[in-house]
Amino acid sequence: MQGKDLTGIHIEGHIKIFNPESGEVFINKRNAIHYENMSIALAQTMANSSKGGTVYQMAFGNGGTAIDPTGIITYLTPNSSGSNASLYNQTFAKVVDGQSSNNTDPTRNYLETRHVTGTNYTDLFVTCLLDYGEPSAQQAFDNATNTNDSFVFDELGLVSYNPSGTGLLLTHVIFNPVQKSLNRLIQIDYTVRIQSLTGLAGA
């Protein structure tokens, strides 16, 4: 009996949103992976395709939750299917590709890979800092009463590079609303773990 090698890929993500000055953690949770778009991006990257595929932007939005008059939060389902998936309501995006000329601060917004020799997984670590002055037109203080404000974020995702337009949504996470205002820094550390699953099965 001849065996055949069966392989699989498991991908999972985790985000931490915090104030790097005070250390206050706003969000610490896992996210949803868009496996169809992720498979396209991985293949394009491995083929060094001119169509893109690399992680390029972190996108932010305010359409992931609904809050009723009593303060009860309803969380929408992350968009993790359909090749044209997007955030529910994207209001801001920042380039995190450290090799891109469009990255205004590659020392604080960048990608890196982390691997421990002998293990079957590698982490893609993405960090993004929203500085005091960004986004423009944000409120002065973090005391917004309107959770529909453009920069009261409750969803974000990683988006791939596409030279001809909007890239593919690779991940999507929905969380308690977090306001970005002039008086606070917000940093997002986003880890995507790509793990190889292998096994041997008889033919």
Protein backbone atom coordinates (compact mmCIF):
# COMPACT_ATOMS: atom_id res chain seq x y z
CA MET A 1 0.00 0.00 0.00
CA GLN A 2 1.38 3.33 -1.00
CA GLY A 3 0.78 6.30 1.27
CA LYS A 4 0.02 9.81 0.19
CA ASP A 5 0.86 12.90 2.11
CA LEU A 6 -2.18 14.93 3.11
CA THR A 7 -1.58 18.51 4.10
CA GLY A 8 -3.76 21.32 5.24
CA ILE A 9 -3.45 24.90 6.37
CA HIS A 10 -5.08 26.37 9.45
CA ILE A 11 -5.09 30.13 9.93
CA GLU A 12 -6.16 32.02 13.00
CA GLY A 13 -5.84 35.63 14.06
CA HIS A 14 -5.75 37.68 17.21
CA ILE A 15 -5.87 41.43 17.84
CA LYS A 16 -4.88 43.62 20.74
CA ILE A 17 -5.99 47.27 20.71
CA PHE A 18 -4.37 49.40 23.38
CA ASN A 19 -2.95 52.76 24.35
CA PRO A 20 0.85 52.37 24.17
CA GLU A 21 1.40 55.27 26.58
CA SER A 22 -0.98 54.31 29.39
CA GLY A 23 -0.97 50.56 28.72
CA GLU A 24 -4.79 50.49 28.81
CA VAL A 25 -6.11 47.56 26.76
CA PHE A 26 -9.37 48.23 24.92
CA ILE A 27 -9.78 44.98 22.95
CA ASN A 28 -8.09 41.59 23.18
CA LYS A 29 -9.77 38.90 21.08
CA ARG A 30 -9.62 36.55 18.11
CA ASN A 31 -10.87 37.41 14.64
CA ALA A 32 -12.50 35.75 11.64
CA ILE A 33 -10.44 34.64 8.62
CA HIS A 34 -11.76 35.01 5.09
CA TYR A 35 -10.38 31.70 3.79
CA GLU A 36 -11.28 32.21 0.12
CA ASN A 37 -9.57 35.59 -0.08
CA MET A 38 -6.69 34.38 2.06
CA SER A 39 -6.08 31.44 -0.30
CA ILE A 40 -6.00 33.83 -3.27
CA ALA A 41 -3.60 36.18 -1.50
CA LEU A 42 -1.27 33.36 -0.42
CA ALA A 43 -1.11 31.96 -3.96
CA GLN A 44 -0.53 35.40 -5.48
CA THR A 45 2.24 36.09 -2.99
CA MET A 46 3.96 32.75 -3.59
CA ALA A 47 3.75 33.33 -7.35
CA ASN A 48 5.20 36.84 -6.94
CA SER A 49 2.17 37.96 -8.91
CA SER A 50 1.82 41.49 -10.22
CA LYS A 51 -1.80 41.28 -9.04
CA GLY A 52 -0.65 41.68 -5.45
CA GLY A 53 -1.61 39.47 -2.53
CA THR A 54 0.57 40.87 0.24
CA VAL A 55 -0.98 42.47 3.32
CA TYR A 56 -1.13 46.19 2.57
CA GLN A 57 -3.63 48.04 4.75
CA MET A 58 -5.43 47.89 8.04
CA ALA A 59 -8.99 49.08 7.49
CA PHE A 60 -11.23 50.53 10.19
CA GLY A 61 -15.00 50.96 10.30
CA ASN A 62 -17.96 51.78 12.49
CA GLY A 63 -20.64 49.45 11.16
CA GLY A 64 -20.00 46.29 13.13
CA THR A 65 -22.38 46.83 16.03
CA ALA A 66 -25.79 48.24 16.86
CA ILE A 67 -26.56 49.75 20.27
CA ASP A 68 -30.16 50.08 21.43
CA PRO A 69 -31.42 52.90 23.72
CA THR A 70 -30.77 50.79 26.82
CA GLY A 71 -27.11 50.30 25.88
CA ILE A 72 -27.36 46.67 24.78
CA ILE A 73 -24.83 45.95 22.02
CA THR A 74 -25.66 43.64 19.11
CA TYR A 75 -22.65 42.36 17.19
CA LEU A 76 -22.96 41.70 13.47
CA THR A 77 -21.42 38.59 11.94
CA PRO A 78 -17.92 39.14 10.51
CA ASN A 79 -17.78 39.18 6.72
CA SER A 80 -15.76 36.06 5.93
CA SER A 81 -17.30 34.84 2.67
CA GLY A 82 -17.70 36.20 -0.84
CA SER A 83 -14.68 37.50 -2.76
CA ASN A 84 -16.07 41.05 -2.69
CA ALA A 85 -16.47 41.10 1.08
CA SER A 86 -15.65 44.33 2.90
CA LEU A 87 -16.13 46.01 6.24
CA TYR A 88 -19.72 46.98 6.96
CA ASN A 89 -18.82 50.66 6.90
CA GLN A 90 -15.17 51.50 6.35
CA THR A 91 -14.27 55.01 7.53
CA PHE A 92 -10.47 54.91 7.63
CA ALA A 93 -7.50 52.86 6.43
CA LYS A 94 -3.78 52.94 7.04
CA VAL A 95 -0.95 51.39 5.03
CA VAL A 96 1.02 48.89 7.12
CA ASP A 97 3.30 47.52 4.39
CA GLY A 98 6.69 48.78 5.49
CA GLN A 99 8.04 48.52 1.93
CA SER A 100 5.41 50.81 0.46
CA SER A 101 6.13 54.46 -0.30
CA ASN A 102 2.55 55.14 0.86
CA ASN A 103 3.46 54.13 4.41
CA THR A 104 3.98 57.44 6.22
CA ASP A 105 5.64 55.90 9.29
CA PRO A 106 7.16 52.47 8.56
CA THR A 107 8.95 52.33 11.92
CA ARG A 108 5.59 52.15 13.72
CA ASN A 109 3.38 50.61 11.02
CA TYR A 110 4.86 47.45 9.61
CA LEU A 111 4.70 43.70 8.99
CA GLU A 112 7.07 41.03 10.18
CA THR A 113 7.17 37.23 10.28
CA ARG A 114 7.95 35.28 13.42
CA HIS A 115 8.93 31.63 13.36
CA VAL A 116 10.42 29.24 15.91
CA THR A 117 12.64 26.60 14.29
CA GLY A 118 11.12 23.13 14.52
CA THR A 119 7.51 24.27 14.75
CA ASN A 120 4.90 23.94 11.98
CA TYR A 121 3.54 27.47 12.21
CA THR A 122 4.65 30.99 11.40
CA ASP A 123 3.10 34.20 12.68
CA LEU A 124 2.52 37.27 10.58
CA PHE A 125 2.71 40.18 13.00
CA VAL A 126 1.13 43.45 11.93
CA THR A 127 1.35 46.59 14.02
CA CYS A 128 -0.45 49.86 13.34
CA LEU A 129 -0.34 53.09 15.35
CA LEU A 130 -3.03 55.73 15.11
CA ASP A 131 -1.15 58.82 16.23
CA TYR A 132 -2.64 61.82 18.00
CA GLY A 133 -3.38 63.71 14.78
CA GLU A 134 -4.99 60.89 12.85
CA PRO A 135 -7.51 60.42 11.47
CA SER A 136 -8.09 64.04 10.54
CA ALA A 137 -11.44 65.53 11.64
CA GLN A 138 -11.56 63.36 14.77
CA GLN A 139 -13.01 64.75 17.98
CA ALA A 140 -10.80 66.39 20.58
CA PHE A 141 -11.68 64.08 23.49
CA ASP A 142 -12.69 60.44 23.91
CA ASN A 143 -16.15 61.25 25.28
CA ALA A 144 -18.33 60.81 22.21
CA THR A 145 -21.98 60.11 22.96
CA ASN A 146 -22.72 59.18 19.34
CA THR A 147 -21.42 55.70 18.63
CA ASN A 148 -22.06 56.29 14.92
CA ASP A 149 -19.21 58.80 14.80
CA SER A 150 -16.85 57.97 11.92
CA PHE A 151 -13.96 57.32 14.28
CA VAL A 152 -15.72 55.31 16.95
CA PHE A 153 -14.40 52.06 15.57
CA ASP A 154 -16.08 48.69 16.12
CA GLU A 155 -14.62 46.69 13.22
CA LEU A 156 -11.32 46.31 11.44
CA GLY A 157 -9.62 44.01 9.00
CA LEU A 158 -6.47 43.36 7.02
CA VAL A 159 -6.65 44.11 3.29
CA SER A 160 -4.31 42.81 0.59
CA TYR A 161 -2.48 44.90 -1.98
CA ASN A 162 -4.04 45.35 -5.40
CA PRO A 163 -2.28 47.68 -7.87
CA SER A 164 -5.50 48.36 -9.75
CA GLY A 165 -7.84 49.15 -6.88
CA THR A 166 -9.23 47.86 -3.60
CA GLY A 167 -7.56 44.71 -2.31
CA LEU A 168 -9.18 41.62 -0.80
CA LEU A 169 -10.51 41.59 2.75
CA LEU A 170 -8.43 38.87 4.45
CA THR A 171 -9.64 39.12 8.04
CA HIS A 172 -12.51 40.80 9.87
CA VAL A 173 -13.06 41.37 13.56
CA ILE A 174 -15.95 43.09 15.35
CA PHE A 175 -15.63 44.44 18.87
CA ASN A 176 -16.93 46.90 21.47
CA PRO A 177 -16.79 50.45 20.08
CA VAL A 178 -13.47 52.23 20.68
CA GLN A 179 -13.15 55.95 20.01
CA LYS A 180 -10.07 57.45 18.39
CA SER A 181 -9.71 61.08 19.43
CA LEU A 182 -6.99 63.73 19.51
CA ASN A 183 -6.14 63.07 23.15
CA ARG A 184 -5.22 59.39 22.81
CA LEU A 185 -2.90 57.10 20.93
CA ILE A 186 -4.25 53.76 19.78
CA GLN A 187 -2.04 50.87 18.72
CA ILE A 188 -3.25 47.66 17.12
CA ASP A 189 -1.09 44.54 17.28
CA TYR A 190 -2.54 41.97 14.90
CA THR A 191 -1.18 38.43 14.77
CA VAL A 192 -2.15 35.99 12.01
CA ARG A 193 -0.88 32.46 12.62
CA ILE A 194 -0.45 30.20 9.59
CA GLN A 195 -0.11 26.59 10.62
CA SER A 196 0.64 23.55 8.49
CA LEU A 197 -1.39 20.44 9.32
CA THR A 198 0.12 17.25 7.97
CA GLY A 199 -0.71 13.58 8.11
CA LEU A 200 -0.18 10.32 6.21
CA ALA A 201 -3.09 8.38 4.80
CA GLY A 202 -3.14 5.11 2.88
CA ALA A 203 -3.93 5.24 -0.83
